[in-house]
Amino acid sequence: TEEFVQVATSLTQRCGLADRVSFRQGSALALPFEDGTFDGAMLMHVGMNIADKARLFSEARRVLKPGKRFGVYDIMRVGEGALPYPMPWAMTEATSFVEEPEAYRRHLASGGFEVEKERNRRDFVLTLAREMREKIAREGMPPLGPQILGADMEERIGNLMKVLERGTIAPIEIIARAV
């Protein structure tokens, strides 16, 4: 949204990075850039919000220069079981598009990418979550924690952690090269 662009621009200026980063509003399914514009791209916690991953990855490939890398870090389905809602990215199943890593690999390949590396980050995230809970128990909730995202964020994160711990989902990191 234009509001997110304005906030991101403001935060980037405050961090002294305005000369290195710019933000544009647009659809991931119809990127507002010329072919072969970028030396790299990444998708972080976005794929589970987009049903048409084939088009998403085709667009990413279109705007990347040949041989350049595309990093994906998304929640993916790695086991059996239903997802409880609300989740951090969706209130209901109707707007949640979690897929298996195989689907990502297939869509990346059909979109013009070759997967170079894939890594399941579940254990890392579970360790990080445990450490964060311990820190909160010692020091209290930080002023800029998940609570600022809304009253239901505790339930959303609780639902996420249940299925992450159960092995139904995991954050998966994929590095692909544009061919």
N, C-alpha and C. Protein backbone atom coordinates (compact mmCIF):
# COMPACT_ATOMS: atom_id res chain seq x y z
N THR A 1 0.84 -1.18 0.00
CA THR A 1 0.00 0.00 0.00
C THR A 1 0.88 1.24 0.00
N GLU A 2 0.33 2.33 -0.39
CA GLU A 2 1.07 3.59 -0.39
C GLU A 2 1.50 3.97 1.03
N GLU A 3 0.66 3.65 2.01
CA GLU A 3 1.02 3.94 3.41
C GLU A 3 2.26 3.14 3.84
N PHE A 4 2.33 1.87 3.47
CA PHE A 4 3.52 1.07 3.80
C PHE A 4 4.76 1.64 3.12
N VAL A 5 4.62 2.11 1.89
CA VAL A 5 5.75 2.71 1.17
C VAL A 5 6.23 3.95 1.91
N GLN A 6 5.31 4.78 2.37
CA GLN A 6 5.68 6.00 3.10
C GLN A 6 6.39 5.67 4.42
N VAL A 7 5.86 4.70 5.16
CA VAL A 7 6.48 4.30 6.43
C VAL A 7 7.86 3.71 6.18
N ALA A 8 7.98 2.82 5.19
CA ALA A 8 9.27 2.21 4.88
C ALA A 8 10.30 3.27 4.47
N THR A 9 9.88 4.23 3.68
CA THR A 9 10.77 5.32 3.26
C THR A 9 11.23 6.13 4.47
N SER A 10 10.31 6.44 5.35
CA SER A 10 10.65 7.20 6.56
C SER A 10 11.63 6.44 7.45
N LEU A 11 11.35 5.15 7.68
CA LEU A 11 12.25 4.34 8.51
C LEU A 11 13.64 4.21 7.88
N THR A 12 13.69 4.07 6.57
CA THR A 12 14.96 3.95 5.86
C THR A 12 15.76 5.25 5.97
N GLN A 13 15.09 6.38 5.89
CA GLN A 13 15.76 7.67 6.07
C GLN A 13 16.32 7.78 7.49
N ARG A 14 15.53 7.38 8.48
CA ARG A 14 15.98 7.43 9.87
C ARG A 14 17.20 6.57 10.12
N CYS A 15 17.32 5.47 9.38
CA CYS A 15 18.46 4.56 9.53
C CYS A 15 19.66 4.99 8.69
N GLY A 16 19.52 6.06 7.95
CA GLY A 16 20.62 6.55 7.13
C GLY A 16 20.87 5.73 5.88
N LEU A 17 19.85 5.03 5.40
CA LEU A 17 20.01 4.16 4.23
C LEU A 17 19.22 4.65 3.01
N ALA A 18 18.72 5.86 3.05
CA ALA A 18 17.86 6.36 1.97
C ALA A 18 18.56 6.39 0.62
N ASP A 19 19.89 6.50 0.62
CA ASP A 19 20.62 6.53 -0.64
C ASP A 19 20.83 5.13 -1.23
N ARG A 20 20.45 4.08 -0.47
CA ARG A 20 20.68 2.70 -0.92
C ARG A 20 19.40 1.93 -1.21
N VAL A 21 18.25 2.43 -0.75
CA VAL A 21 17.00 1.68 -0.84
C VAL A 21 15.87 2.59 -1.30
N SER A 22 15.01 2.05 -2.13
CA SER A 22 13.79 2.78 -2.49
C SER A 22 12.63 1.79 -2.46
N PHE A 23 11.42 2.31 -2.33
CA PHE A 23 10.23 1.47 -2.21
C PHE A 23 9.21 1.91 -3.25
N ARG A 24 8.50 0.91 -3.79
CA ARG A 24 7.46 1.17 -4.78
C ARG A 24 6.25 0.32 -4.45
N GLN A 25 5.09 0.86 -4.71
CA GLN A 25 3.86 0.10 -4.56
C GLN A 25 3.62 -0.68 -5.84
N GLY A 26 3.18 -1.92 -5.69
CA GLY A 26 2.90 -2.73 -6.87
C GLY A 26 2.44 -4.12 -6.47
N SER A 27 2.06 -4.88 -7.45
CA SER A 27 1.63 -6.26 -7.25
C SER A 27 2.81 -7.19 -7.54
N ALA A 28 3.00 -8.19 -6.68
CA ALA A 28 4.04 -9.18 -6.91
C ALA A 28 3.74 -10.02 -8.16
N LEU A 29 2.51 -9.98 -8.64
CA LEU A 29 2.12 -10.74 -9.82
C LEU A 29 2.22 -9.93 -11.11
N ALA A 30 2.54 -8.65 -10.97
CA ALA A 30 2.74 -7.77 -12.13
C ALA A 30 3.69 -6.66 -11.68
N LEU A 31 4.96 -7.01 -11.53
CA LEU A 31 5.94 -6.08 -10.97
C LEU A 31 6.15 -4.87 -11.89
N PRO A 32 6.23 -3.67 -11.31
CA PRO A 32 6.34 -2.45 -12.11
C PRO A 32 7.78 -2.12 -12.51
N PHE A 33 8.50 -3.11 -13.06
CA PHE A 33 9.90 -2.93 -13.43
C PHE A 33 10.16 -3.56 -14.79
N GLU A 34 11.18 -3.07 -15.45
CA GLU A 34 11.59 -3.61 -16.75
C GLU A 34 12.23 -4.99 -16.57
N ASP A 35 12.25 -5.76 -17.64
CA ASP A 35 12.92 -7.07 -17.63
C ASP A 35 14.40 -6.90 -17.27
N GLY A 36 14.94 -7.84 -16.52
CA GLY A 36 16.36 -7.85 -16.21
C GLY A 36 16.88 -6.65 -15.46
N THR A 37 16.08 -6.08 -14.58
CA THR A 37 16.46 -4.87 -13.86
C THR A 37 17.37 -5.15 -12.66
N PHE A 38 17.19 -6.28 -11.98
CA PHE A 38 17.81 -6.47 -10.66
C PHE A 38 18.90 -7.52 -10.61
N ASP A 39 19.83 -7.30 -9.69
CA ASP A 39 20.94 -8.21 -9.44
C ASP A 39 20.61 -9.25 -8.37
N GLY A 40 19.47 -9.17 -7.76
CA GLY A 40 19.04 -10.11 -6.74
C GLY A 40 17.65 -9.75 -6.27
N ALA A 41 16.97 -10.73 -5.69
CA ALA A 41 15.62 -10.48 -5.16
C ALA A 41 15.36 -11.49 -4.05
N MET A 42 14.41 -11.15 -3.19
CA MET A 42 14.04 -12.08 -2.13
C MET A 42 12.55 -11.98 -1.84
N LEU A 43 12.04 -13.07 -1.32
CA LEU A 43 10.64 -13.19 -0.92
C LEU A 43 10.68 -13.70 0.51
N MET A 44 10.16 -12.91 1.44
CA MET A 44 10.22 -13.31 2.85
C MET A 44 8.84 -13.23 3.47
N HIS A 45 8.33 -14.41 3.85
CA HIS A 45 7.01 -14.52 4.47
C HIS A 45 5.92 -13.83 3.63
N VAL A 46 5.93 -14.13 2.33
CA VAL A 46 4.94 -13.57 1.41
C VAL A 46 4.18 -14.67 0.67
N GLY A 47 4.87 -15.74 0.32
CA GLY A 47 4.27 -16.79 -0.51
C GLY A 47 3.00 -17.38 0.05
N MET A 48 2.88 -17.45 1.37
CA MET A 48 1.67 -18.04 1.94
C MET A 48 0.46 -17.13 1.78
N ASN A 49 0.68 -15.91 1.27
CA ASN A 49 -0.41 -14.98 1.00
C ASN A 49 -0.79 -14.95 -0.49
N ILE A 50 -0.07 -15.68 -1.32
CA ILE A 50 -0.28 -15.61 -2.77
C ILE A 50 -0.58 -17.00 -3.32
N ALA A 51 -1.73 -17.12 -3.93
CA ALA A 51 -2.16 -18.41 -4.48
C ALA A 51 -1.38 -18.78 -5.74
N ASP A 52 -1.15 -17.81 -6.62
CA ASP A 52 -0.55 -18.07 -7.92
C ASP A 52 0.98 -17.97 -7.85
N LYS A 53 1.59 -18.98 -7.26
CA LYS A 53 3.04 -18.96 -7.09
C LYS A 53 3.76 -19.08 -8.43
N ALA A 54 3.18 -19.76 -9.40
CA ALA A 54 3.80 -19.86 -10.72
C ALA A 54 3.98 -18.47 -11.32
N ARG A 55 2.97 -17.66 -11.25
CA ARG A 55 3.08 -16.29 -11.78
C ARG A 55 4.01 -15.44 -10.93
N LEU A 56 3.95 -15.62 -9.62
CA LEU A 56 4.82 -14.89 -8.71
C LEU A 56 6.29 -15.13 -9.07
N PHE A 57 6.66 -16.40 -9.27
CA PHE A 57 8.05 -16.72 -9.56
C PHE A 57 8.43 -16.32 -10.99
N SER A 58 7.50 -16.39 -11.91
CA SER A 58 7.77 -15.93 -13.29
C SER A 58 8.07 -14.44 -13.30
N GLU A 59 7.34 -13.68 -12.51
CA GLU A 59 7.58 -12.24 -12.43
C GLU A 59 8.93 -11.95 -11.78
N ALA A 60 9.26 -12.70 -10.73
CA ALA A 60 10.57 -12.51 -10.09
C ALA A 60 11.68 -12.79 -11.10
N ARG A 61 11.52 -13.87 -11.86
CA ARG A 61 12.53 -14.21 -12.87
C ARG A 61 12.62 -13.15 -13.95
N ARG A 62 11.49 -12.63 -14.36
CA ARG A 62 11.46 -11.62 -15.42
C ARG A 62 12.29 -10.39 -15.06
N VAL A 63 12.22 -9.95 -13.81
CA VAL A 63 12.91 -8.72 -13.42
C VAL A 63 14.37 -8.95 -12.99
N LEU A 64 14.78 -10.22 -12.85
CA LEU A 64 16.16 -10.53 -12.49
C LEU A 64 17.03 -10.68 -13.73
N LYS A 65 18.28 -10.29 -13.59
CA LYS A 65 19.25 -10.54 -14.65
C LYS A 65 19.59 -12.03 -14.65
N PRO A 66 19.93 -12.57 -15.82
CA PRO A 66 20.30 -13.99 -15.88
C PRO A 66 21.47 -14.30 -14.93
N GLY A 67 21.36 -15.46 -14.28
CA GLY A 67 22.42 -15.89 -13.38
C GLY A 67 22.33 -15.33 -11.98
N LYS A 68 21.44 -14.41 -11.74
CA LYS A 68 21.33 -13.79 -10.42
C LYS A 68 20.44 -14.63 -9.52
N ARG A 69 20.53 -14.37 -8.22
CA ARG A 69 19.86 -15.22 -7.22
C ARG A 69 18.57 -14.63 -6.69
N PHE A 70 17.70 -15.57 -6.32
CA PHE A 70 16.39 -15.26 -5.74
C PHE A 70 16.29 -16.06 -4.45
N GLY A 71 16.15 -15.38 -3.33
CA GLY A 71 16.00 -16.04 -2.05
C GLY A 71 14.55 -16.09 -1.62
N VAL A 72 14.12 -17.24 -1.15
CA VAL A 72 12.76 -17.43 -0.66
C VAL A 72 12.84 -17.91 0.78
N TYR A 73 12.08 -17.27 1.66
CA TYR A 73 11.98 -17.71 3.06
C TYR A 73 10.51 -17.63 3.42
N ASP A 74 9.85 -18.78 3.42
CA ASP A 74 8.40 -18.84 3.61
C ASP A 74 8.02 -19.97 4.54
N ILE A 75 6.86 -19.84 5.14
CA ILE A 75 6.26 -20.93 5.89
C ILE A 75 5.71 -21.92 4.86
N MET A 76 6.09 -23.19 5.00
CA MET A 76 5.62 -24.22 4.06
C MET A 76 5.11 -25.42 4.84
N ARG A 77 4.25 -26.16 4.20
CA ARG A 77 3.69 -27.38 4.81
C ARG A 77 4.71 -28.50 4.66
N VAL A 78 5.07 -29.10 5.82
CA VAL A 78 6.04 -30.19 5.80
C VAL A 78 5.50 -31.46 6.46
N GLY A 79 4.28 -31.40 6.98
CA GLY A 79 3.68 -32.55 7.65
C GLY A 79 2.17 -32.52 7.54
N GLU A 80 1.55 -33.53 8.14
CA GLU A 80 0.10 -33.67 8.09
C GLU A 80 -0.57 -32.81 9.17
N GLY A 81 -1.85 -32.54 8.95
CA GLY A 81 -2.66 -31.85 9.94
C GLY A 81 -3.17 -30.51 9.44
N ALA A 82 -4.31 -30.13 10.01
CA ALA A 82 -4.94 -28.86 9.64
C ALA A 82 -4.22 -27.70 10.31
N LEU A 83 -4.30 -26.55 9.69
CA LEU A 83 -3.76 -25.33 10.29
C LEU A 83 -4.88 -24.64 11.07
N PRO A 84 -4.62 -24.27 12.32
CA PRO A 84 -5.63 -23.55 13.09
C PRO A 84 -5.61 -22.06 12.73
N TYR A 85 -6.74 -21.47 12.64
CA TYR A 85 -6.82 -20.03 12.33
C TYR A 85 -7.47 -19.32 13.50
N PRO A 86 -7.06 -18.05 13.67
CA PRO A 86 -6.23 -17.23 12.79
C PRO A 86 -4.74 -17.56 12.93
N MET A 87 -4.02 -17.28 11.84
CA MET A 87 -2.56 -17.39 11.80
C MET A 87 -2.02 -15.97 11.61
N PRO A 88 -0.73 -15.75 11.81
CA PRO A 88 -0.19 -14.40 11.63
C PRO A 88 -0.46 -13.81 10.25
N TRP A 89 -0.54 -14.64 9.21
CA TRP A 89 -0.71 -14.14 7.85
C TRP A 89 -2.14 -14.23 7.33
N ALA A 90 -3.04 -14.88 8.03
CA ALA A 90 -4.40 -15.05 7.51
C ALA A 90 -5.39 -15.33 8.64
N MET A 91 -6.56 -14.74 8.51
CA MET A 91 -7.62 -14.97 9.50
C MET A 91 -8.29 -16.32 9.29
N THR A 92 -8.41 -16.74 8.01
CA THR A 92 -9.09 -17.99 7.68
C THR A 92 -8.33 -18.71 6.56
N GLU A 93 -8.71 -19.94 6.32
CA GLU A 93 -8.11 -20.73 5.25
C GLU A 93 -8.32 -20.10 3.87
N ALA A 94 -9.36 -19.28 3.73
CA ALA A 94 -9.68 -18.69 2.43
C ALA A 94 -8.58 -17.77 1.91
N THR A 95 -7.75 -17.22 2.80
CA THR A 95 -6.68 -16.31 2.37
C THR A 95 -5.30 -16.85 2.73
N SER A 96 -5.20 -18.14 2.94
CA SER A 96 -3.94 -18.78 3.29
C SER A 96 -3.56 -19.77 2.19
N PHE A 97 -2.36 -19.63 1.66
CA PHE A 97 -1.92 -20.45 0.53
C PHE A 97 -0.59 -21.14 0.82
N VAL A 98 -0.55 -21.83 1.96
CA VAL A 98 0.64 -22.56 2.38
C VAL A 98 0.77 -23.80 1.49
N GLU A 99 1.96 -23.99 0.93
CA GLU A 99 2.21 -25.15 0.08
C GLU A 99 3.45 -25.89 0.55
N GLU A 100 3.65 -27.06 0.01
CA GLU A 100 4.81 -27.88 0.34
C GLU A 100 6.05 -27.38 -0.42
N PRO A 101 7.24 -27.66 0.11
CA PRO A 101 8.46 -27.25 -0.60
C PRO A 101 8.52 -27.76 -2.04
N GLU A 102 7.99 -28.97 -2.28
CA GLU A 102 7.99 -29.52 -3.64
C GLU A 102 7.23 -28.59 -4.60
N ALA A 103 6.13 -28.02 -4.15
CA ALA A 103 5.37 -27.10 -5.01
C ALA A 103 6.21 -25.85 -5.32
N TYR A 104 6.91 -25.35 -4.31
CA TYR A 104 7.79 -24.20 -4.55
C TYR A 104 8.86 -24.56 -5.56
N ARG A 105 9.51 -25.72 -5.40
CA ARG A 105 10.55 -26.14 -6.34
C ARG A 105 10.00 -26.25 -7.76
N ARG A 106 8.82 -26.84 -7.88
CA ARG A 106 8.20 -27.01 -9.20
C ARG A 106 7.87 -25.65 -9.83
N HIS A 107 7.29 -24.74 -9.05
CA HIS A 107 6.95 -23.42 -9.58
C HIS A 107 8.20 -22.59 -9.90
N LEU A 108 9.23 -22.73 -9.07
CA LEU A 108 10.48 -22.04 -9.36
C LEU A 108 11.07 -22.54 -10.67
N ALA A 109 11.11 -23.85 -10.87
CA ALA A 109 11.66 -24.42 -12.10
C ALA A 109 10.87 -23.96 -13.32
N SER A 110 9.55 -24.02 -13.24
CA SER A 110 8.74 -23.60 -14.39
C SER A 110 8.83 -22.10 -14.62
N GLY A 111 9.20 -21.35 -13.59
CA GLY A 111 9.35 -19.90 -13.73
C GLY A 111 10.72 -19.47 -14.23
N GLY A 112 11.63 -20.41 -14.38
CA GLY A 112 12.95 -20.05 -14.92
C GLY A 112 14.06 -20.02 -13.90
N PHE A 113 13.90 -20.78 -12.82
CA PHE A 113 14.93 -20.83 -11.78
C PHE A 113 15.46 -22.24 -11.61
N GLU A 114 16.68 -22.31 -11.12
CA GLU A 114 17.30 -23.57 -10.72
C GLU A 114 17.59 -23.47 -9.22
N VAL A 115 17.04 -24.39 -8.43
CA VAL A 115 17.25 -24.36 -6.99
C VAL A 115 18.68 -24.80 -6.69
N GLU A 116 19.41 -23.96 -5.97
CA GLU A 116 20.79 -24.26 -5.59
C GLU A 116 20.89 -24.81 -4.17
N LYS A 117 20.01 -24.33 -3.29
CA LYS A 117 20.10 -24.71 -1.89
C LYS A 117 18.72 -24.64 -1.26
N GLU A 118 18.44 -25.56 -0.35
CA GLU A 118 17.18 -25.54 0.39
C GLU A 118 17.47 -25.97 1.82
N ARG A 119 16.87 -25.27 2.77
CA ARG A 119 17.14 -25.59 4.17
C ARG A 119 15.89 -25.37 5.01
N ASN A 120 15.55 -26.38 5.80
CA ASN A 120 14.44 -26.29 6.75
C ASN A 120 14.96 -25.57 7.99
N ARG A 121 14.31 -24.48 8.37
CA ARG A 121 14.77 -23.64 9.48
C ARG A 121 13.93 -23.84 10.74
N ARG A 122 13.16 -24.92 10.82
CA ARG A 122 12.27 -25.17 11.96
C ARG A 122 13.01 -25.18 13.28
N ASP A 123 14.08 -25.95 13.38
CA ASP A 123 14.81 -26.05 14.65
C ASP A 123 15.38 -24.70 15.07
N PHE A 124 15.91 -23.95 14.12
CA PHE A 124 16.44 -22.62 14.41
C PHE A 124 15.34 -21.73 14.99
N VAL A 125 14.16 -21.72 14.37
CA VAL A 125 13.06 -20.87 14.83
C VAL A 125 12.54 -21.32 16.19
N LEU A 126 12.46 -22.62 16.41
CA LEU A 126 12.02 -23.10 17.73
C LEU A 126 13.01 -22.69 18.82
N THR A 127 14.29 -22.76 18.54
CA THR A 127 15.30 -22.32 19.52
C THR A 127 15.18 -20.82 19.76
N LEU A 128 15.04 -20.06 18.70
CA LEU A 128 14.88 -18.61 18.83
C LEU A 128 13.63 -18.26 19.64
N ALA A 129 12.53 -18.93 19.40
CA ALA A 129 11.28 -18.68 20.12
C ALA A 129 11.45 -19.00 21.61
N ARG A 130 12.13 -20.09 21.92
CA ARG A 130 12.38 -20.45 23.31
C ARG A 130 13.22 -19.38 23.99
N GLU A 131 14.26 -18.92 23.32
CA GLU A 131 15.13 -17.89 23.88
C GLU A 131 14.36 -16.58 24.09
N MET A 132 13.48 -16.24 23.17
CA MET A 132 12.67 -15.02 23.31
C MET A 132 11.73 -15.14 24.51
N ARG A 133 11.08 -16.31 24.67
CA ARG A 133 10.19 -16.51 25.82
C ARG A 133 10.95 -16.39 27.14
N GLU A 134 12.15 -16.94 27.18
CA GLU A 134 12.98 -16.85 28.39
C GLU A 134 13.35 -15.40 28.69
N LYS A 135 13.69 -14.66 27.66
CA LYS A 135 14.05 -13.24 27.84
C LYS A 135 12.85 -12.44 28.34
N ILE A 136 11.68 -12.70 27.79
CA ILE A 136 10.46 -12.00 28.23
C ILE A 136 10.16 -12.35 29.69
N ALA A 137 10.36 -13.60 30.06
CA ALA A 137 10.13 -14.01 31.45
C ALA A 137 11.07 -13.26 32.40
N ARG A 138 12.30 -13.01 31.97
CA ARG A 138 13.28 -12.30 32.81
C ARG A 138 13.06 -10.79 32.82
N GLU A 139 12.80 -10.23 31.62
CA GLU A 139 12.83 -8.78 31.45
C GLU A 139 11.48 -8.13 31.16
N GLY A 140 10.47 -8.95 30.90
CA GLY A 140 9.16 -8.40 30.54
C GLY A 140 9.05 -8.20 29.04
N MET A 141 7.84 -7.91 28.61
CA MET A 141 7.55 -7.73 27.18
C MET A 141 8.24 -6.46 26.67
N PRO A 142 8.95 -6.55 25.54
CA PRO A 142 9.57 -5.34 24.98
C PRO A 142 8.50 -4.38 24.47
N PRO A 143 8.81 -3.09 24.45
CA PRO A 143 7.79 -2.12 24.00
C PRO A 143 7.37 -2.31 22.55
N LEU A 144 8.27 -2.84 21.71
CA LEU A 144 7.95 -3.09 20.30
C LEU A 144 7.90 -4.59 20.04
N GLY A 145 6.97 -5.26 20.69
CA GLY A 145 6.77 -6.69 20.51
C GLY A 145 5.53 -6.96 19.68
N PRO A 146 5.17 -8.24 19.57
CA PRO A 146 4.01 -8.62 18.74
C PRO A 146 2.70 -7.99 19.19
N GLN A 147 2.62 -7.54 20.43
CA GLN A 147 1.40 -6.94 20.94
C GLN A 147 1.00 -5.68 20.17
N ILE A 148 1.95 -5.03 19.54
CA ILE A 148 1.60 -3.82 18.78
C ILE A 148 0.87 -4.14 17.49
N LEU A 149 0.86 -5.42 17.10
CA LEU A 149 0.22 -5.83 15.86
C LEU A 149 -1.26 -6.12 16.01
N GLY A 150 -1.78 -6.03 17.23
CA GLY A 150 -3.21 -6.22 17.42
C GLY A 150 -3.51 -7.14 18.58
N ALA A 151 -4.73 -7.04 19.06
CA ALA A 151 -5.15 -7.79 20.24
C ALA A 151 -5.14 -9.29 20.00
N ASP A 152 -5.36 -9.73 18.76
CA ASP A 152 -5.40 -11.17 18.49
C ASP A 152 -4.04 -11.76 18.12
N MET A 153 -2.98 -10.95 18.14
CA MET A 153 -1.68 -11.46 17.71
C MET A 153 -1.17 -12.57 18.63
N GLU A 154 -1.49 -12.53 19.91
CA GLU A 154 -1.07 -13.61 20.81
C GLU A 154 -1.69 -14.94 20.37
N GLU A 155 -2.97 -14.92 20.02
CA GLU A 155 -3.63 -16.14 19.54
C GLU A 155 -3.03 -16.60 18.22
N ARG A 156 -2.77 -15.67 17.31
CA ARG A 156 -2.19 -16.01 16.01
C ARG A 156 -0.83 -16.66 16.16
N ILE A 157 0.02 -16.07 16.99
CA ILE A 157 1.35 -16.63 17.20
C ILE A 157 1.26 -17.96 17.94
N GLY A 158 0.33 -18.07 18.88
CA GLY A 158 0.12 -19.35 19.57
C GLY A 158 -0.27 -20.45 18.60
N ASN A 159 -1.16 -20.15 17.67
CA ASN A 159 -1.56 -21.13 16.66
C ASN A 159 -0.37 -21.52 15.77
N LEU A 160 0.41 -20.54 15.38
CA LEU A 160 1.60 -20.79 14.57
C LEU A 160 2.56 -21.72 15.30
N MET A 161 2.83 -21.42 16.57
CA MET A 161 3.79 -22.21 17.33
C MET A 161 3.31 -23.65 17.52
N LYS A 162 2.01 -23.85 17.70
CA LYS A 162 1.48 -25.22 17.86
C LYS A 162 1.82 -26.09 16.65
N VAL A 163 1.55 -25.58 15.45
CA VAL A 163 1.78 -26.40 14.26
C VAL A 163 3.25 -26.44 13.86
N LEU A 164 4.00 -25.44 14.25
CA LEU A 164 5.44 -25.47 14.03
C LEU A 164 6.07 -26.54 14.92
N GLU A 165 5.69 -26.56 16.20
CA GLU A 165 6.21 -27.57 17.13
C GLU A 165 5.77 -28.98 16.73
N ARG A 166 4.55 -29.10 16.21
CA ARG A 166 4.01 -30.41 15.80
C ARG A 166 4.66 -30.91 14.51
N GLY A 167 5.30 -30.02 13.76
CA GLY A 167 5.94 -30.42 12.52
C GLY A 167 5.04 -30.37 11.30
N THR A 168 3.93 -29.65 11.41
CA THR A 168 3.02 -29.50 10.28
C THR A 168 3.55 -28.49 9.27
N ILE A 169 4.15 -27.43 9.80
CA ILE A 169 4.73 -26.39 8.95
C ILE A 169 6.15 -26.11 9.41
N ALA A 170 6.90 -25.44 8.56
CA ALA A 170 8.25 -25.01 8.90
C ALA A 170 8.64 -23.85 8.00
N PRO A 171 9.47 -22.95 8.51
CA PRO A 171 10.04 -21.95 7.61
C PRO A 171 11.12 -22.63 6.77
N ILE A 172 11.01 -22.47 5.48
CA ILE A 172 11.94 -23.09 4.55
C ILE A 172 12.67 -21.98 3.78
N GLU A 173 13.96 -22.15 3.69
CA GLU A 173 14.81 -21.20 2.95
C GLU A 173 15.23 -21.88 1.65
N ILE A 174 15.01 -21.18 0.54
CA ILE A 174 15.41 -21.69 -0.77
C ILE A 174 16.21 -20.60 -1.47
N ILE A 175 17.35 -21.00 -2.00
CA ILE A 175 18.14 -20.09 -2.84
C ILE A 175 18.10 -20.65 -4.26
N ALA A 176 17.64 -19.82 -5.19
CA ALA A 176 17.52 -20.25 -6.58
C ALA A 176 18.29 -19.28 -7.48
N ARG A 177 18.73 -19.76 -8.62
CA ARG A 177 19.44 -18.95 -9.57
C ARG A 177 18.60 -18.82 -10.85
N ALA A 178 18.54 -17.60 -11.35
CA ALA A 178 17.80 -17.34 -12.60
C ALA A 178 18.58 -17.94 -13.76
N VAL A 179 17.92 -18.81 -14.53
CA VAL A 179 18.58 -19.45 -15.68
C VAL A 179 18.13 -18.82 -16.97
